[in-house]
Every structure is written in C-alpha cells, then in structure tokens.
C-alpha atoms as a PDB file:
ATOM      1  CA  MET A   1     -87.020 -99.256 -31.650  1.00  0.00           C
ATOM      2  CA  LEU A   2     -87.911 -95.706 -30.735  1.00  0.00           C
ATOM      3  CA  ARG A   3     -90.112 -93.181 -32.510  1.00  0.00           C
ATOM      4  CA  ASP A   4     -88.991 -90.060 -34.276  1.00  0.00           C
ATOM      5  CA  PRO A   5     -90.676 -87.316 -32.197  1.00  0.00           C
ATOM      6  CA  VAL A   6     -91.464 -85.233 -35.290  1.00  0.00           C
ATOM      7  CA  CYS A   7     -93.060 -87.705 -37.711  1.00  0.00           C
ATOM      8  CA  GLY A   8     -93.693 -90.709 -35.461  1.00  0.00           C
ATOM      9  CA  LYS A   9     -91.743 -93.123 -37.658  1.00  0.00           C
ATOM     10  CA  LYS A  10     -90.021 -96.016 -35.881  1.00  0.00           C
ATOM     11  CA  VAL A  11     -86.288 -95.386 -35.683  1.00  0.00           C
ATOM     12  CA  ASN A  12     -83.521 -97.839 -34.909  1.00  0.00           C
ATOM     13  CA  PRO A  13     -81.165 -95.811 -32.678  1.00  0.00           C
ATOM     14  CA  ASN A  14     -78.152 -97.391 -34.400  1.00  0.00           C
ATOM     15  CA  LYS A  15     -79.369 -96.320 -37.852  1.00  0.00           C
ATOM     16  CA  ALA A  16     -80.966 -92.947 -37.118  1.00  0.00           C
ATOM     17  CA  HIS A  17     -80.112 -89.987 -39.339  1.00  0.00           C
ATOM     18  CA  ILE A  18     -78.971 -88.091 -36.254  1.00  0.00           C
ATOM     19  CA  GLN A  19     -79.271 -88.118 -32.504  1.00  0.00           C
ATOM     20  CA  ILE A  20     -79.767 -84.837 -30.712  1.00  0.00           C
ATOM     21  CA  GLU A  21     -79.239 -84.092 -27.038  1.00  0.00           C
ATOM     22  CA  TYR A  22     -81.805 -81.738 -25.546  1.00  0.00           C
ATOM     23  CA  LYS A  23     -82.301 -81.132 -21.823  1.00  0.00           C
ATOM     24  CA  SER A  24     -80.370 -84.281 -20.879  1.00  0.00           C
ATOM     25  CA  GLU A  25     -82.422 -86.463 -23.232  1.00  0.00           C
ATOM     26  CA  THR A  26     -81.375 -88.095 -26.493  1.00  0.00           C
ATOM     27  CA  TYR A  27     -83.717 -87.876 -29.476  1.00  0.00           C
ATOM     28  CA  TYR A  28     -83.314 -90.006 -32.599  1.00  0.00           C
ATOM     29  CA  LEU A  29     -84.466 -88.492 -35.863  1.00  0.00           C
ATOM     30  CA  CYS A  30     -85.041 -90.305 -39.155  1.00  0.00           C
ATOM     31  CA  CYS A  31     -84.143 -87.651 -41.744  1.00  0.00           C
ATOM     32  CA  PRO A  32     -82.883 -84.101 -42.348  1.00  0.00           C
ATOM     33  CA  LEU A  33     -86.432 -82.724 -42.556  1.00  0.00           C
ATOM     34  CA  CYS A  34     -87.317 -84.047 -39.099  1.00  0.00           C
ATOM     35  CA  GLN A  35     -83.994 -82.752 -37.793  1.00  0.00           C
ATOM     36  CA  SER A  36     -84.803 -79.288 -39.105  1.00  0.00           C
ATOM     37  CA  GLU A  37     -88.292 -79.331 -37.584  1.00  0.00           C
ATOM     38  CA  PHE A  38     -86.971 -80.526 -34.225  1.00  0.00           C
ATOM     39  CA  GLU A  39     -84.266 -77.849 -34.162  1.00  0.00           C
ATOM     40  CA  LYS A  40     -86.808 -75.097 -34.914  1.00  0.00           C
ATOM     41  CA  ASN A  41     -88.860 -75.941 -31.824  1.00  0.00           C
ATOM     42  CA  PRO A  42     -87.341 -78.687 -29.659  1.00  0.00           C
ATOM     43  CA  GLU A  43     -89.616 -77.894 -26.723  1.00  0.00           C
ATOM     44  CA  LYS A  44     -92.604 -78.997 -28.812  1.00  0.00           C
ATOM     45  CA  TYR A  45     -91.127 -82.514 -29.003  1.00  0.00           C
ATOM     46  CA  HIS A  46     -89.427 -82.653 -25.608  1.00  0.00           C
ATOM     47  CA  HIS A  47     -92.272 -84.413 -23.809  1.00  0.00           C
ATOM     48  CA  SER A  48     -92.671 -87.340 -26.198  1.00  0.00           C
ATOM     49  CA  PRO A  49     -91.670 -90.305 -23.981  1.00  0.00           C
ATOM     50  CA  GLU A  50     -91.627 -92.920 -26.752  1.00  0.00           C
ATOM     51  CA  SER A  51     -89.081 -90.982 -28.740  1.00  0.00           C
ATOM     52  CA  ARG A  52     -86.424 -90.314 -26.157  1.00  0.00           C
ATOM     53  CA  LYS A  53     -84.023 -92.251 -24.056  1.00  0.00           C
ATOM     54  CA  LYS A  54     -82.074 -91.148 -20.973  1.00  0.00           C
ATOM     55  CA  SER A  55     -78.498 -90.173 -21.744  1.00  0.00           C
ATOM     56  CA  SER A  56     -76.828 -92.260 -19.097  1.00  0.00           C
ATOM     57  CA  ARG A  57     -73.920 -93.400 -21.237  1.00  0.00           C
ATOM     58  CA  HIS A  58     -72.272 -89.972 -21.705  1.00  0.00           C
END
C-alpha cells in the first residue's frame, strides 16, 4: 500500500483512481479531487517518498 500524496489516504496501486507520472515517478491518487489538487501543483507533492514508486516497468 502507498499513500495518496494529497490527502495521505492509503492507496492500493491496483485500485487507485488514477496514476500520474511526474518527473519519472508514479503517483497513485485515490479520487478526482486529489487528482485535481495534484495537477494544480505537482511540485508540492513531488517529494513525498511514501506516495511514489519508481517507474521502472515502463
């Protein structure tokens, strides 16, 4: 389980609302509201290590 970088909720990567690639990292978001907040200011959430995973499978 990872954490949504916006709200801190635990997110199962396989069931996340959306995954977003930003600066070679993958972020898993739980809902459209968190997606919107992340997209407004992704740099704010970029350095949240619990919420991201390296994109080595692309």
